[in-house]
Amino acid sequence: MALKFEIVTPEKLVRSDEAYMVVVPGSEGDFGVLEGHAPFMSTIRDGALTIYKTEGGEPETLAIEGGFAEVSANGLTVLAEKIGE
């Protein structure tokens, strides 16, 4: 099974997809989220959101600025102030 994740900005839904793992630049340090991760919330610092589509695969990175991340039974939701182009 794969982790379901969404990336949202105040303007729009940027992405709704599935991945093996997403690494989020949390304000207390980077954290990786896999399918079945325990629920929690964190603020996000400016940095790189790293998306691994498959285990051991080449990662995709997105520049992200501020916001919140929520991990729930439904997956990961990243509420970002801004996503870099």
PDB file of N, CA and C in Angstrom:
ATOM      1  N   MET A   1       0.837  -1.179   0.000  1.00  0.00           N
ATOM      2  CA  MET A   1       0.000   0.000   0.000  1.00  0.00           C
ATOM      3  C   MET A   1       0.884   1.245   0.000  1.00  0.00           C
ATOM      4  N   ALA A   2       0.315   2.337  -0.475  1.00  0.00           N
ATOM      5  CA  ALA A   2       1.065   3.584  -0.592  1.00  0.00           C
ATOM      6  C   ALA A   2       0.480   4.657   0.322  1.00  0.00           C
ATOM      7  N   LEU A   3       1.309   5.610   0.650  1.00  0.00           N
ATOM      8  CA  LEU A   3       0.885   6.757   1.441  1.00  0.00           C
ATOM      9  C   LEU A   3       0.117   7.721   0.547  1.00  0.00           C
ATOM     10  N   LYS A   4      -1.064   8.116   0.973  1.00  0.00           N
ATOM     11  CA  LYS A   4      -1.833   9.132   0.254  1.00  0.00           C
ATOM     12  C   LYS A   4      -1.425  10.485   0.813  1.00  0.00           C
ATOM     13  N   PHE A   5      -1.144  11.458  -0.071  1.00  0.00           N
ATOM     14  CA  PHE A   5      -0.774  12.780   0.410  1.00  0.00           C
ATOM     15  C   PHE A   5      -1.362  13.869  -0.470  1.00  0.00           C
ATOM     16  N   GLU A   6      -1.575  15.026   0.154  1.00  0.00           N
ATOM     17  CA  GLU A   6      -2.054  16.214  -0.560  1.00  0.00           C
ATOM     18  C   GLU A   6      -1.186  17.386  -0.160  1.00  0.00           C
ATOM     19  N   ILE A   7      -0.937  18.254  -1.140  1.00  0.00           N
ATOM     20  CA  ILE A   7      -0.224  19.508  -0.900  1.00  0.00           C
ATOM     21  C   ILE A   7      -1.191  20.619  -1.288  1.00  0.00           C
ATOM     22  N   VAL A   8      -1.454  21.506  -0.330  1.00  0.00           N
ATOM     23  CA  VAL A   8      -2.445  22.560  -0.524  1.00  0.00           C
ATOM     24  C   VAL A   8      -1.829  23.901  -0.165  1.00  0.00           C
ATOM     25  N   THR A   9      -2.122  24.932  -0.977  1.00  0.00           N
ATOM     26  CA  THR A   9      -1.759  26.309  -0.653  1.00  0.00           C
ATOM     27  C   THR A   9      -3.055  27.088  -0.464  1.00  0.00           C
ATOM     28  N   PRO A  10      -2.982  28.331   0.014  1.00  0.00           N
ATOM     29  CA  PRO A  10      -4.207  29.116   0.143  1.00  0.00           C
ATOM     30  C   PRO A  10      -4.956  29.294  -1.182  1.00  0.00           C
ATOM     31  N   GLU A  11      -4.235  29.212  -2.302  1.00  0.00           N
ATOM     32  CA  GLU A  11      -4.854  29.425  -3.604  1.00  0.00           C
ATOM     33  C   GLU A  11      -5.501  28.184  -4.204  1.00  0.00           C
ATOM     34  N   LYS A  12      -4.883  26.996  -3.956  1.00  0.00           N
ATOM     35  CA  LYS A  12      -5.378  25.812  -4.673  1.00  0.00           C
ATOM     36  C   LYS A  12      -4.822  24.511  -4.104  1.00  0.00           C
ATOM     37  N   LEU A  13      -5.389  23.408  -4.554  1.00  0.00           N
ATOM     38  CA  LEU A  13      -4.843  22.084  -4.309  1.00  0.00           C
ATOM     39  C   LEU A  13      -3.716  21.908  -5.320  1.00  0.00           C
ATOM     40  N   VAL A  14      -2.501  21.795  -4.840  1.00  0.00           N
ATOM     41  CA  VAL A  14      -1.336  21.690  -5.719  1.00  0.00           C
ATOM     42  C   VAL A  14      -1.162  20.266  -6.224  1.00  0.00           C
ATOM     43  N   ARG A  15      -1.388  19.297  -5.320  1.00  0.00           N
ATOM     44  CA  ARG A  15      -1.156  17.908  -5.709  1.00  0.00           C
ATOM     45  C   ARG A  15      -1.897  16.962  -4.778  1.00  0.00           C
ATOM     46  N   SER A  16      -2.463  15.929  -5.348  1.00  0.00           N
ATOM     47  CA  SER A  16      -3.081  14.847  -4.601  1.00  0.00           C
ATOM     48  C   SER A  16      -2.568  13.563  -5.246  1.00  0.00           C
ATOM     49  N   ASP A  17      -1.797  12.775  -4.499  1.00  0.00           N
ATOM     50  CA  ASP A  17      -1.072  11.677  -5.117  1.00  0.00           C
ATOM     51  C   ASP A  17      -0.793  10.593  -4.075  1.00  0.00           C
ATOM     52  N   GLU A  18      -0.063   9.576  -4.491  1.00  0.00           N
ATOM     53  CA  GLU A  18       0.399   8.516  -3.610  1.00  0.00           C
ATOM     54  C   GLU A  18       1.907   8.391  -3.744  1.00  0.00           C
ATOM     55  N   ALA A  19       2.562   7.993  -2.658  1.00  0.00           N
ATOM     56  CA  ALA A  19       4.007   7.823  -2.666  1.00  0.00           C
ATOM     57  C   ALA A  19       4.395   6.766  -1.645  1.00  0.00           C
ATOM     58  N   TYR A  20       5.625   6.304  -1.742  1.00  0.00           N
ATOM     59  CA  TYR A  20       6.156   5.379  -0.742  1.00  0.00           C
ATOM     60  C   TYR A  20       6.438   6.144   0.554  1.00  0.00           C
ATOM     61  N   MET A  21       7.103   7.331   0.434  1.00  0.00           N
ATOM     62  CA  MET A  21       7.448   8.131   1.598  1.00  0.00           C
ATOM     63  C   MET A  21       7.550   9.594   1.202  1.00  0.00           C
ATOM     64  N   VAL A  22       7.168  10.480   2.114  1.00  0.00           N
ATOM     65  CA  VAL A  22       7.330  11.918   1.932  1.00  0.00           C
ATOM     66  C   VAL A  22       8.117  12.428   3.136  1.00  0.00           C
ATOM     67  N   VAL A  23       9.192  13.194   2.862  1.00  0.00           N
ATOM     68  CA  VAL A  23       9.998  13.793   3.926  1.00  0.00           C
ATOM     69  C   VAL A  23       9.655  15.276   3.984  1.00  0.00           C
ATOM     70  N   VAL A  24       9.231  15.722   5.164  1.00  0.00           N
ATOM     71  CA  VAL A  24       8.734  17.083   5.371  1.00  0.00           C
ATOM     72  C   VAL A  24       9.742  17.873   6.214  1.00  0.00           C
ATOM     73  N   PRO A  25      10.033  19.132   5.836  1.00  0.00           N
ATOM     74  CA  PRO A  25      10.938  19.954   6.643  1.00  0.00           C
ATOM     75  C   PRO A  25      10.203  20.564   7.841  1.00  0.00           C
ATOM     76  N   GLY A  26      10.057  19.808   8.910  1.00  0.00           N
ATOM     77  CA  GLY A  26       9.364  20.283  10.100  1.00  0.00           C
ATOM     78  C   GLY A  26      10.172  21.335  10.842  1.00  0.00           C
ATOM     79  N   SER A  27       9.506  22.135  11.634  1.00  0.00           N
ATOM     80  CA  SER A  27      10.193  23.191  12.375  1.00  0.00           C
ATOM     81  C   SER A  27      11.168  22.636  13.415  1.00  0.00           C
ATOM     82  N   GLU A  28      10.941  21.404  13.871  1.00  0.00           N
ATOM     83  CA  GLU A  28      11.839  20.753  14.833  1.00  0.00           C
ATOM     84  C   GLU A  28      12.803  19.786  14.145  1.00  0.00           C
ATOM     85  N   GLY A  29      12.789  19.741  12.812  1.00  0.00           N
ATOM     86  CA  GLY A  29      13.651  18.847  12.047  1.00  0.00           C
ATOM     87  C   GLY A  29      12.854  18.097  10.998  1.00  0.00           C
ATOM     88  N   ASP A  30      13.551  17.549  10.022  1.00  0.00           N
ATOM     89  CA  ASP A  30      12.885  16.798   8.961  1.00  0.00           C
ATOM     90  C   ASP A  30      12.271  15.522   9.528  1.00  0.00           C
ATOM     91  N   PHE A  31      11.122  15.126   8.965  1.00  0.00           N
ATOM     92  CA  PHE A  31      10.516  13.858   9.364  1.00  0.00           C
ATOM     93  C   PHE A  31       9.944  13.164   8.142  1.00  0.00           C
ATOM     94  N   GLY A  32      10.100  11.848   8.102  1.00  0.00           N
ATOM     95  CA  GLY A  32       9.586  11.041   7.009  1.00  0.00           C
ATOM     96  C   GLY A  32       8.257  10.418   7.384  1.00  0.00           C
ATOM     97  N   VAL A  33       7.340  10.375   6.432  1.00  0.00           N
ATOM     98  CA  VAL A  33       6.019   9.799   6.665  1.00  0.00           C
ATOM     99  C   VAL A  33       5.812   8.637   5.693  1.00  0.00           C
ATOM    100  N   LEU A  34       5.504   7.478   6.259  1.00  0.00           N
ATOM    101  CA  LEU A  34       5.183   6.280   5.492  1.00  0.00           C
ATOM    102  C   LEU A  34       3.719   5.929   5.742  1.00  0.00           C
ATOM    103  N   GLU A  35       3.172   5.055   4.930  1.00  0.00           N
ATOM    104  CA  GLU A  35       1.805   4.545   5.148  1.00  0.00           C
ATOM    105  C   GLU A  35       1.705   3.985   6.560  1.00  0.00           C
ATOM    106  N   GLY A  36       0.626   4.332   7.278  1.00  0.00           N
ATOM    107  CA  GLY A  36       0.402   3.812   8.617  1.00  0.00           C
ATOM    108  C   GLY A  36       1.095   4.595   9.720  1.00  0.00           C
ATOM    109  N   HIS A  37       1.676   5.755   9.397  1.00  0.00           N
ATOM    110  CA  HIS A  37       2.368   6.572  10.407  1.00  0.00           C
ATOM    111  C   HIS A  37       1.387   7.005  11.493  1.00  0.00           C
ATOM    112  N   ALA A  38       1.861   7.143  12.706  1.00  0.00           N
ATOM    113  CA  ALA A  38       1.028   7.613  13.818  1.00  0.00           C
ATOM    114  C   ALA A  38       0.559   9.041  13.555  1.00  0.00           C
ATOM    115  N   PRO A  39      -0.672   9.374  13.933  1.00  0.00           N
ATOM    116  CA  PRO A  39      -1.203  10.719  13.707  1.00  0.00           C
ATOM    117  C   PRO A  39      -0.443  11.781  14.510  1.00  0.00           C
ATOM    118  N   PHE A  40      -0.185  12.918  13.879  1.00  0.00           N
ATOM    119  CA  PHE A  40       0.379  14.068  14.568  1.00  0.00           C
ATOM    120  C   PHE A  40       0.333  15.288  13.657  1.00  0.00           C
ATOM    121  N   MET A  41       0.648  16.450  14.240  1.00  0.00           N
ATOM    122  CA  MET A  41       0.716  17.696  13.470  1.00  0.00           C
ATOM    123  C   MET A  41       2.052  18.364  13.747  1.00  0.00           C
ATOM    124  N   SER A  42       2.532  19.141  12.765  1.00  0.00           N
ATOM    125  CA  SER A  42       3.793  19.861  12.921  1.00  0.00           C
ATOM    126  C   SER A  42       3.748  21.131  12.090  1.00  0.00           C
ATOM    127  N   THR A  43       4.442  22.152  12.568  1.00  0.00           N
ATOM    128  CA  THR A  43       4.648  23.327  11.719  1.00  0.00           C
ATOM    129  C   THR A  43       5.784  23.001  10.757  1.00  0.00           C
ATOM    130  N   ILE A  44       5.830  23.736   9.650  1.00  0.00           N
ATOM    131  CA  ILE A  44       6.826  23.505   8.603  1.00  0.00           C
ATOM    132  C   ILE A  44       7.725  24.722   8.483  1.00  0.00           C
ATOM    133  N   ARG A  45       9.018  24.478   8.337  1.00  0.00           N
ATOM    134  CA  ARG A  45       9.961  25.564   8.058  1.00  0.00           C
ATOM    135  C   ARG A  45      10.215  25.607   6.546  1.00  0.00           C
ATOM    136  N   ASP A  46      10.766  26.695   6.067  1.00  0.00           N
ATOM    137  CA  ASP A  46      11.137  26.780   4.656  1.00  0.00           C
ATOM    138  C   ASP A  46      12.174  25.699   4.358  1.00  0.00           C
ATOM    139  N   GLY A  47      12.003  25.010   3.247  1.00  0.00           N
ATOM    140  CA  GLY A  47      12.938  23.941   2.896  1.00  0.00           C
ATOM    141  C   GLY A  47      12.432  23.130   1.731  1.00  0.00           C
ATOM    142  N   ALA A  48      12.892  21.888   1.653  1.00  0.00           N
ATOM    143  CA  ALA A  48      12.537  21.006   0.536  1.00  0.00           C
ATOM    144  C   ALA A  48      11.637  19.874   1.027  1.00  0.00           C
ATOM    145  N   LEU A  49      10.503  19.726   0.367  1.00  0.00           N
ATOM    146  CA  LEU A  49       9.618  18.584   0.573  1.00  0.00           C
ATOM    147  C   LEU A  49      10.107  17.512  -0.394  1.00  0.00           C
ATOM    148  N   THR A  50      10.450  16.339   0.113  1.00  0.00           N
ATOM    149  CA  THR A  50      11.023  15.286  -0.716  1.00  0.00           C
ATOM    150  C   THR A  50      10.030  14.138  -0.841  1.00  0.00           C
ATOM    151  N   ILE A  51       9.720  13.770  -2.088  1.00  0.00           N
ATOM    152  CA  ILE A  51       8.719  12.746  -2.364  1.00  0.00           C
ATOM    153  C   ILE A  51       9.405  11.543  -3.016  1.00  0.00           C
ATOM    154  N   TYR A  52       9.273  10.386  -2.371  1.00  0.00           N
ATOM    155  CA  TYR A  52       9.796   9.126  -2.909  1.00  0.00           C
ATOM    156  C   TYR A  52       8.609   8.319  -3.417  1.00  0.00           C
ATOM    157  N   LYS A  53       8.479   8.186  -4.724  1.00  0.00           N
ATOM    158  CA  LYS A  53       7.361   7.428  -5.302  1.00  0.00           C
ATOM    159  C   LYS A  53       7.476   5.930  -4.997  1.00  0.00           C
ATOM    160  N   THR A  54       8.708   5.421  -4.953  1.00  0.00           N
ATOM    161  CA  THR A  54       8.935   4.006  -4.668  1.00  0.00           C
ATOM    162  C   THR A  54      10.089   3.871  -3.680  1.00  0.00           C
ATOM    163  N   GLU A  55      10.140   2.739  -2.978  1.00  0.00           N
ATOM    164  CA  GLU A  55      11.235   2.490  -2.045  1.00  0.00           C
ATOM    165  C   GLU A  55      12.551   2.436  -2.816  1.00  0.00           C
ATOM    166  N   GLY A  56      13.505   3.244  -2.413  1.00  0.00           N
ATOM    167  CA  GLY A  56      14.807   3.274  -3.075  1.00  0.00           C
ATOM    168  C   GLY A  56      14.810   4.032  -4.385  1.00  0.00           C
ATOM    169  N   GLY A  57      13.671   4.610  -4.767  1.00  0.00           N
ATOM    170  CA  GLY A  57      13.585   5.352  -6.027  1.00  0.00           C
ATOM    171  C   GLY A  57      14.209   6.729  -5.928  1.00  0.00           C
ATOM    172  N   GLU A  58      14.370   7.355  -7.074  1.00  0.00           N
ATOM    173  CA  GLU A  58      14.910   8.707  -7.152  1.00  0.00           C
ATOM    174  C   GLU A  58      13.870   9.686  -6.613  1.00  0.00           C
ATOM    175  N   PRO A  59      14.238  10.541  -5.642  1.00  0.00           N
ATOM    176  CA  PRO A  59      13.258  11.449  -5.060  1.00  0.00           C
ATOM    177  C   PRO A  59      12.954  12.664  -5.930  1.00  0.00           C
ATOM    178  N   GLU A  60      11.769  13.201  -5.737  1.00  0.00           N
ATOM    179  CA  GLU A  60      11.352  14.467  -6.344  1.00  0.00           C
ATOM    180  C   GLU A  60      11.330  15.483  -5.209  1.00  0.00           C
ATOM    181  N   THR A  61      11.841  16.688  -5.440  1.00  0.00           N
ATOM    182  CA  THR A  61      11.826  17.697  -4.393  1.00  0.00           C
ATOM    183  C   THR A  61      11.024  18.921  -4.832  1.00  0.00           C
ATOM    184  N   LEU A  62      10.321  19.493  -3.870  1.00  0.00           N
ATOM    185  CA  LEU A  62       9.565  20.719  -4.087  1.00  0.00           C
ATOM    186  C   LEU A  62       9.983  21.717  -3.015  1.00  0.00           C
ATOM    187  N   ALA A  63      10.286  22.947  -3.424  1.00  0.00           N
ATOM    188  CA  ALA A  63      10.583  23.993  -2.445  1.00  0.00           C
ATOM    189  C   ALA A  63       9.278  24.383  -1.766  1.00  0.00           C
ATOM    190  N   ILE A  64       9.325  24.513  -0.445  1.00  0.00           N
ATOM    191  CA  ILE A  64       8.121  24.815   0.319  1.00  0.00           C
ATOM    192  C   ILE A  64       8.446  25.916   1.318  1.00  0.00           C
ATOM    193  N   GLU A  65       7.466  26.789   1.551  1.00  0.00           N
ATOM    194  CA  GLU A  65       7.658  27.875   2.501  1.00  0.00           C
ATOM    195  C   GLU A  65       6.547  27.851   3.541  1.00  0.00           C
ATOM    196  N   GLY A  66       6.920  27.565   4.778  1.00  0.00           N
ATOM    197  CA  GLY A  66       6.018  27.629   5.917  1.00  0.00           C
ATOM    198  C   GLY A  66       4.758  26.799   5.810  1.00  0.00           C
ATOM    199  N   GLY A  67       4.006  26.777   6.902  1.00  0.00           N
ATOM    200  CA  GLY A  67       2.730  26.092   6.913  1.00  0.00           C
ATOM    201  C   GLY A  67       2.658  25.027   7.987  1.00  0.00           C
ATOM    202  N   PHE A  68       1.807  24.039   7.741  1.00  0.00           N
ATOM    203  CA  PHE A  68       1.559  22.950   8.683  1.00  0.00           C
ATOM    204  C   PHE A  68       1.505  21.627   7.930  1.00  0.00           C
ATOM    205  N   ALA A  69       1.805  20.551   8.645  1.00  0.00           N
ATOM    206  CA  ALA A  69       1.641  19.202   8.109  1.00  0.00           C
ATOM    207  C   ALA A  69       0.799  18.416   9.099  1.00  0.00           C
ATOM    208  N   GLU A  70      -0.152  17.662   8.580  1.00  0.00           N
ATOM    209  CA  GLU A  70      -0.988  16.813   9.427  1.00  0.00           C
ATOM    210  C   GLU A  70      -0.935  15.388   8.909  1.00  0.00           C
ATOM    211  N   VAL A  71      -0.614  14.461   9.796  1.00  0.00           N
ATOM    212  CA  VAL A  71      -0.649  13.041   9.479  1.00  0.00           C
ATOM    213  C   VAL A  71      -1.869  12.466  10.195  1.00  0.00           C
ATOM    214  N   SER A  72      -2.738  11.789   9.434  1.00  0.00           N
ATOM    215  CA  SER A  72      -3.943  11.191  10.006  1.00  0.00           C
ATOM    216  C   SER A  72      -4.133   9.806   9.396  1.00  0.00           C
ATOM    217  N   ALA A  73      -5.224   9.165   9.764  1.00  0.00           N
ATOM    218  CA  ALA A  73      -5.540   7.850   9.201  1.00  0.00           C
ATOM    219  C   ALA A  73      -5.736   7.937   7.687  1.00  0.00           C
ATOM    220  N   ASN A  74      -6.057   9.138   7.182  1.00  0.00           N
ATOM    221  CA  ASN A  74      -6.260   9.335   5.739  1.00  0.00           C
ATOM    222  C   ASN A  74      -4.969   9.598   4.981  1.00  0.00           C
ATOM    223  N   GLY A  75      -3.855   9.806   5.683  1.00  0.00           N
ATOM    224  CA  GLY A  75      -2.589  10.074   5.029  1.00  0.00           C
ATOM    225  C   GLY A  75      -1.978  11.379   5.500  1.00  0.00           C
ATOM    226  N   LEU A  76      -1.210  12.027   4.636  1.00  0.00           N
ATOM    227  CA  LEU A  76      -0.490  13.260   4.940  1.00  0.00           C
ATOM    228  C   LEU A  76      -1.111  14.423   4.187  1.00  0.00           C
ATOM    229  N   THR A  77      -1.379  15.514   4.914  1.00  0.00           N
ATOM    230  CA  THR A  77      -1.829  16.745   4.287  1.00  0.00           C
ATOM    231  C   THR A  77      -0.827  17.828   4.633  1.00  0.00           C
ATOM    232  N   VAL A  78      -0.273  18.476   3.607  1.00  0.00           N
ATOM    233  CA  VAL A  78       0.659  19.583   3.783  1.00  0.00           C
ATOM    234  C   VAL A  78      -0.072  20.858   3.400  1.00  0.00           C
ATOM    235  N   LEU A  79      -0.252  21.746   4.392  1.00  0.00           N
ATOM    236  CA  LEU A  79      -0.878  23.047   4.164  1.00  0.00           C
ATOM    237  C   LEU A  79       0.240  24.067   4.120  1.00  0.00           C
ATOM    238  N   ALA A  80       0.692  24.408   2.925  1.00  0.00           N
ATOM    239  CA  ALA A  80       1.860  25.266   2.741  1.00  0.00           C
ATOM    240  C   ALA A  80       1.468  26.712   2.445  1.00  0.00           C
ATOM    241  N   GLU A  81       2.252  27.630   2.978  1.00  0.00           N
ATOM    242  CA  GLU A  81       2.041  29.032   2.648  1.00  0.00           C
ATOM    243  C   GLU A  81       2.361  29.273   1.169  1.00  0.00           C
ATOM    244  N   LYS A  82       3.426  28.624   0.688  1.00  0.00           N
ATOM    245  CA  LYS A  82       3.837  28.793  -0.707  1.00  0.00           C
ATOM    246  C   LYS A  82       4.652  27.587  -1.165  1.00  0.00           C
ATOM    247  N   ILE A  83       4.455  27.207  -2.417  1.00  0.00           N
ATOM    248  CA  ILE A  83       5.241  26.151  -3.053  1.00  0.00           C
ATOM    249  C   ILE A  83       6.089  26.823  -4.142  1.00  0.00           C
ATOM    250  N   GLY A  84       7.389  26.558  -4.125  1.00  0.00           N
ATOM    251  CA  GLY A  84       8.284  27.125  -5.128  1.00  0.00           C
ATOM    252  C   GLY A  84       8.010  26.588  -6.507  1.00  0.00           C
ATOM    253  N   GLU A  85       8.294  27.394  -7.500  1.00  0.00           N
ATOM    254  CA  GLU A  85       8.071  27.007  -8.898  1.00  0.00           C
ATOM    255  C   GLU A  85       9.258  26.266  -9.450  1.00  0.00           C
TER     256      GLU A  85
END
